Protein backbone atom coordinates (compact mmCIF):
# COMPACT_ATOMS: atom_id res chain seq x y z
CA MET A 1 123.78 94.42 136.94
CA ALA A 2 120.35 96.04 136.87
CA THR A 3 119.75 94.81 133.34
CA GLY A 4 119.46 91.20 134.51
CA ASP A 5 118.85 88.20 132.24
CA ASN A 6 117.68 89.47 128.86
CA LYS A 7 116.99 86.12 127.17
CA THR A 8 113.62 86.23 125.45
CA LYS A 9 111.59 84.42 122.83
CA PRO A 10 112.47 85.01 119.16
CA GLY A 11 111.08 88.29 117.88
CA VAL A 12 110.61 89.75 121.36
CA ALA A 13 112.48 92.61 123.04
CA LYS A 14 112.42 92.73 126.82
CA ILE A 15 112.56 96.32 128.08
CA GLN A 16 113.26 97.20 131.69
CA GLY A 17 111.92 100.38 133.23
CA LEU A 18 114.08 101.63 136.11
CA ILE A 19 114.27 104.65 138.38
CA HIS A 20 117.35 106.32 139.84
CA ARG A 21 115.95 108.26 142.77
CA PRO A 22 119.18 110.00 143.87
CA LYS A 23 119.56 111.44 140.37
CA ASP A 24 115.79 111.90 139.86
CA ALA A 25 115.78 110.09 136.52
CA VAL A 26 113.89 107.23 134.87
CA ILE A 27 115.61 104.73 132.60
CA ALA A 28 114.50 102.29 129.91
CA TYR A 29 117.00 99.62 128.86
CA GLY A 30 116.71 96.78 126.39
CA ASN A 31 118.48 94.44 123.99
CA LEU A 32 116.54 94.75 120.74
CA ASN A 33 118.43 92.23 118.62
CA SER A 34 115.52 89.81 118.29
CA LEU A 35 113.08 92.60 117.42
CA PHE A 36 115.41 93.94 114.74
CA ALA A 37 115.95 90.46 113.30
CA THR A 38 112.20 89.97 112.93
CA TYR A 39 111.89 93.32 111.13
CA ILE A 40 114.71 92.37 108.73
CA GLU A 41 113.10 89.02 107.98
CA HIS A 42 109.73 90.73 107.41
CA ALA A 43 111.21 93.39 105.09
CA LYS A 44 113.18 90.80 103.10
CA GLU A 45 110.08 88.65 102.61
CA LEU A 46 108.18 91.65 101.22
CA ASP A 47 111.19 92.91 99.22
CA ILE A 48 111.11 96.28 101.02
CA LEU A 49 114.43 96.04 102.86
CA PRO A 50 116.19 99.43 102.53
CA ASP A 51 119.90 100.03 101.98
CA ASP A 52 122.38 99.88 104.85
CA GLU A 53 122.14 103.58 105.75
CA ALA A 54 118.34 103.58 105.93
CA LYS A 55 118.39 100.21 107.70
CA LEU A 56 120.60 101.67 110.45
CA MET A 57 118.30 104.69 110.78
CA MET A 58 115.30 102.36 111.04
CA ARG A 59 117.13 100.35 113.70
CA HIS A 60 117.69 103.50 115.76
CA GLY A 61 114.11 104.66 115.23
CA MET A 62 112.66 101.35 116.37
CA ALA A 63 114.92 101.37 119.43
CA ALA A 64 113.91 104.91 120.40
CA ALA A 65 110.22 104.14 119.85
CA CYS A 66 110.35 100.94 121.89
CA LEU A 67 112.13 102.60 124.83
CA HIS A 68 109.70 105.52 124.65
CA LEU A 69 106.69 103.20 124.84
CA ALA A 70 108.20 101.30 127.76
CA LEU A 71 108.00 104.44 129.92
CA HIS A 72 104.46 105.35 128.86
CA PRO A 73 100.97 104.19 129.95
CA PRO A 74 99.86 100.66 129.02
CA ASP A 75 96.89 101.90 126.96
CA GLU A 76 98.85 104.30 124.72
CA PHE A 77 99.28 104.07 120.96
CA THR A 78 101.97 106.25 119.40
CA ALA A 79 103.07 106.69 115.80
CA TRP A 80 106.04 108.56 114.37
CA THR A 81 106.81 109.55 110.80
CA LEU A 82 110.31 110.84 110.13
CA ASN A 83 110.59 112.62 106.79
CA ILE A 84 114.23 113.03 105.77
CA LYS A 85 115.01 115.66 103.14
CA ASN A 86 118.35 114.32 101.91
CA PRO A 87 118.39 111.49 101.06
CA PRO A 88 114.59 111.55 100.56
CA LEU A 89 113.24 108.92 102.94
CA ASN A 90 110.19 108.34 105.11
CA PHE A 91 110.40 106.21 108.24
CA PHE A 92 107.12 105.13 109.78
CA ILE A 93 107.10 103.46 113.21
CA CYS A 94 104.17 102.84 115.51
CA GLY A 95 103.65 100.98 118.75
CA ASP A 96 100.62 99.86 120.72
CA ASN A 97 101.05 99.47 124.46
CA SER A 98 97.74 97.64 124.79
CA GLN A 99 99.29 94.80 122.76
CA PHE A 100 102.97 95.56 123.42
CA ASN A 101 103.79 95.41 119.74
CA LEU A 102 105.77 97.57 117.35
CA THR A 103 105.81 97.80 113.58
CA GLY A 104 107.07 100.06 110.84
CA ARG A 105 108.55 100.42 107.39
CA VAL A 106 110.80 102.62 105.29
CA TYR A 107 109.47 104.45 102.23
CA THR A 108 112.14 105.05 99.59
CA ARG A 109 110.04 105.83 96.51
CA ASP A 110 108.04 108.95 95.64
CA VAL A 111 108.93 110.60 98.94
CA LYS A 112 107.66 114.17 99.17
CA ILE A 113 110.08 116.49 100.91
CA THR A 114 109.82 119.97 102.42
CA LYS A 115 112.39 122.66 103.18
CA SER A 116 113.75 120.66 106.12
CA SER A 117 113.55 117.19 107.63
CA ARG A 118 110.56 116.76 109.92
CA LEU A 119 109.35 114.43 112.65
CA PHE A 120 105.62 113.91 113.06
CA MET A 121 104.19 112.27 116.18
CA GLU A 122 100.64 111.30 117.15
CA SER A 123 99.68 109.68 120.43
CA GLN A 124 96.30 108.28 121.41
CA ARG A 125 94.72 106.89 124.57
CA PRO A 126 91.13 105.69 125.02
CA ASN A 127 88.62 108.42 125.87
CA ARG A 128 91.21 111.17 125.43
CA LYS A 129 91.98 113.62 122.68
CA PRO A 130 94.94 112.63 120.49
CA THR A 131 98.13 114.62 120.92
CA ARG A 132 100.05 115.66 117.82
CA SER A 133 103.43 117.22 117.25
CA THR A 134 105.39 118.37 114.19
CA LEU A 135 109.03 119.29 114.52
CA ASP A 136 111.74 120.42 112.10
CA VAL A 137 114.83 118.33 112.88
CA ASP A 138 118.51 118.36 112.01
CA GLY A 139 120.92 115.64 110.98
CA LEU A 140 120.62 111.95 110.15
CA ASN A 141 121.30 110.51 113.61
CA VAL A 142 117.84 109.26 114.58
CA LEU A 143 118.72 108.94 118.28
CA LYS A 144 119.71 112.62 118.29
CA ILE A 145 116.53 113.47 116.37
CA PHE A 146 114.46 111.86 119.13
CA GLU A 147 116.43 113.86 121.69
CA GLN A 148 115.48 117.01 119.76
CA PHE A 149 111.84 115.89 119.92
CA TYR A 150 112.00 115.43 123.70
CA GLU A 151 113.71 118.76 124.27
CA ARG A 152 111.73 120.99 121.93
CA SER A 153 108.32 119.33 121.79
CA GLU A 154 107.94 117.37 125.04
CA GLN A 155 110.15 119.59 127.22
CA ILE A 156 111.59 116.48 128.87
CA PRO A 157 115.40 116.40 129.27
CA SER A 158 116.38 113.10 127.67
CA ARG A 159 119.39 111.18 126.40
CA LEU A 160 119.50 108.12 124.16
CA PHE A 161 122.51 105.78 124.11
CA GLU A 162 123.58 102.93 121.84
CA LEU A 163 125.70 100.80 124.16
CA SER A 164 126.25 98.14 121.51
CA ILE A 165 124.72 97.21 118.17
CA ASP A 166 121.74 95.74 120.05
CA GLU A 167 121.65 97.49 123.45
CA PHE A 168 119.92 100.83 123.85
CA VAL A 169 119.12 103.08 126.80
CA LEU A 170 116.79 106.03 127.26
CA ILE A 171 117.35 108.24 130.31
CA GLN A 172 114.80 110.95 131.09
CA GLY A 173 115.10 113.56 133.77
CA LEU A 174 112.41 114.14 136.37
CA PRO A 175 111.79 117.70 137.68
CA ARG A 176 114.81 117.76 140.03
CA VAL A 177 117.32 116.09 137.71
CA ASP A 178 120.82 117.55 137.51
CA LEU A 179 120.90 118.67 133.88
CA ASP A 180 124.68 118.96 133.84
CA TRP A 181 124.96 115.36 135.02
CA LEU A 182 122.47 114.16 132.41
CA GLN A 183 124.18 115.97 129.53
CA SER A 184 127.65 114.81 130.55
CA LEU A 185 126.82 111.08 130.52
CA ASP A 186 128.72 108.81 128.13
CA ASN A 187 128.36 105.12 127.33
CA GLN A 188 130.72 103.92 130.06
CA GLU A 189 128.99 106.01 132.71
CA VAL A 190 125.64 104.64 131.57
CA ARG A 191 126.95 101.08 131.90
CA ASN A 192 128.21 101.89 135.38
CA LEU A 193 124.79 103.30 136.18
CA LEU A 194 123.08 100.10 135.05
CA ASP A 195 125.42 98.08 137.27
CA GLN A 196 123.94 99.76 140.33
CA LYS A 197 120.97 98.34 142.21
CA LEU A 198 118.33 100.52 140.60
CA GLU A 199 114.68 100.34 141.54
CA SER A 200 112.56 98.52 138.98
CA ILE A 201 109.41 100.16 137.66
CA GLU A 202 108.16 97.55 135.22
CA GLU A 203 109.39 95.05 132.67
CA ARG A 204 107.65 94.78 129.32
CA SER A 205 108.12 92.52 126.30
CA TYR A 206 107.58 94.04 122.85
CA THR A 207 107.01 92.10 119.64
CA PHE A 208 107.49 93.21 116.06
CA CYS A 209 103.94 92.69 114.82
CA CYS A 210 101.52 94.85 112.86
CA GLY A 211 98.24 93.05 113.55
CA CYS A 212 96.86 93.82 110.08
CA ASP A 213 94.65 91.31 108.29
CA PHE A 214 92.47 91.16 105.19
CA ASN A 215 89.30 92.42 106.87
CA LYS A 216 91.05 95.43 108.40
CA ILE A 217 92.63 96.41 105.09
CA LEU A 218 89.34 95.87 103.25
CA SER A 219 87.55 98.06 105.77
CA VAL A 220 90.03 100.91 105.26
CA VAL A 221 89.93 100.70 101.45
CA HIS A 222 86.16 100.36 101.49
CA GLY A 223 85.86 103.51 103.58
CA ILE A 224 87.89 105.47 101.01
CA PHE A 225 86.50 104.06 97.75
CA LYS A 226 82.97 102.96 98.71
CA SER A 227 81.38 105.33 96.18
CA ARG A 228 84.21 105.00 93.64
CA VAL A 229 84.29 101.29 92.87
CA ASP A 230 85.13 101.66 89.17
CA GLU A 231 87.93 104.11 89.96
CA LEU A 232 89.50 101.59 92.32
CA PHE A 233 89.27 98.47 90.15
CA GLN A 234 89.55 100.11 86.69
CA GLY A 235 87.95 97.16 84.91
CA SER A 236 89.80 94.46 86.88
CA GLU A 237 88.24 91.87 89.17
CA ALA A 238 90.92 92.35 91.83
CA VAL A 239 93.23 95.08 93.09
CA GLU A 240 96.42 94.78 95.09
CA THR A 241 96.94 97.00 98.11
CA THR A 242 99.47 97.16 100.93
CA CYS A 243 99.25 97.79 104.64
CA PRO A 244 100.53 101.35 105.17
CA ARG A 245 102.09 100.36 108.49
CA CYS A 246 104.08 97.25 107.64
CA GLY A 247 103.94 96.92 103.84
CA LYS A 248 102.22 93.52 103.70
CA HIS A 249 100.39 92.87 100.40
CA TYR A 250 96.68 92.06 100.10
CA TRP A 251 94.51 91.28 97.08
CA ILE A 252 90.95 92.59 97.25
CA MET A 253 88.36 90.96 95.00
CA ARG A 254 85.72 93.21 93.51
CA GLU A 255 83.02 90.83 94.76
CA ASP A 256 84.26 91.12 98.35
CA PHE A 257 84.54 94.90 98.06
CA VAL A 258 80.95 95.25 96.82
CA ARG A 259 79.65 93.00 99.59
CA GLY A 260 81.45 95.13 102.13
CA PRO A 261 83.80 94.27 105.03
CA GLU A 262 80.92 93.50 107.41
CA LYS A 263 79.73 90.64 105.16
CA VAL A 264 83.00 89.12 104.00
CA GLY A 265 83.41 85.62 105.40
CA ILE A 266 79.66 85.20 106.03
CA THR A 267 77.94 82.55 103.90
């Protein structure tokens, strides 16, 4: 089977990039169980674990994002925000191919909604202009929402498959792909496809990890409130803030804020 041995370290998802030359298609396959488990542990620790429905949507979003990154350049950073109208939810997921990590969180409180659900995407590479996309989307199936993104925003014929609770596959057509073949695929046919001796492109290992720390959070908050110290602290000597990417909590002391991020830790 082309998927090979998928045993990895805890918290790591091994993603295989493959190419099917006769069908002119590229494939990303991975078992994301360990990555999901790390997210669940992280969310439980911070008391931000969503309900079962949102948890499943987050699972699908992380899978789609991870497979997407596995077929993209090794210096690319991409972030997605999925704003669901009903129920009102925000899913934020981002991945950094320079570090091969992925993080994200679900927002369930004070979610602003528009006339329809929307997917926002921003992608960055060094020394290049960022690319941005905003797309009105339909339904609550996040895998199908990513397919809508590929079709209507990227113009790349793509299919996403959930082979089991942990196994996911992304198949994208190259210029000469048979669109009828791609659209007709089902789970069993995808498994049969993976059993063939497909040509390997690259294998990558992704970790659920944000990379935030106190100095990074202080730098961001300092950049926003540098001239509004009293507004931020409101008479207190410390203020609690959270990482917008992963939800981790940080306490910022007024003394550290006044000194500035470039001087914190220097005696």
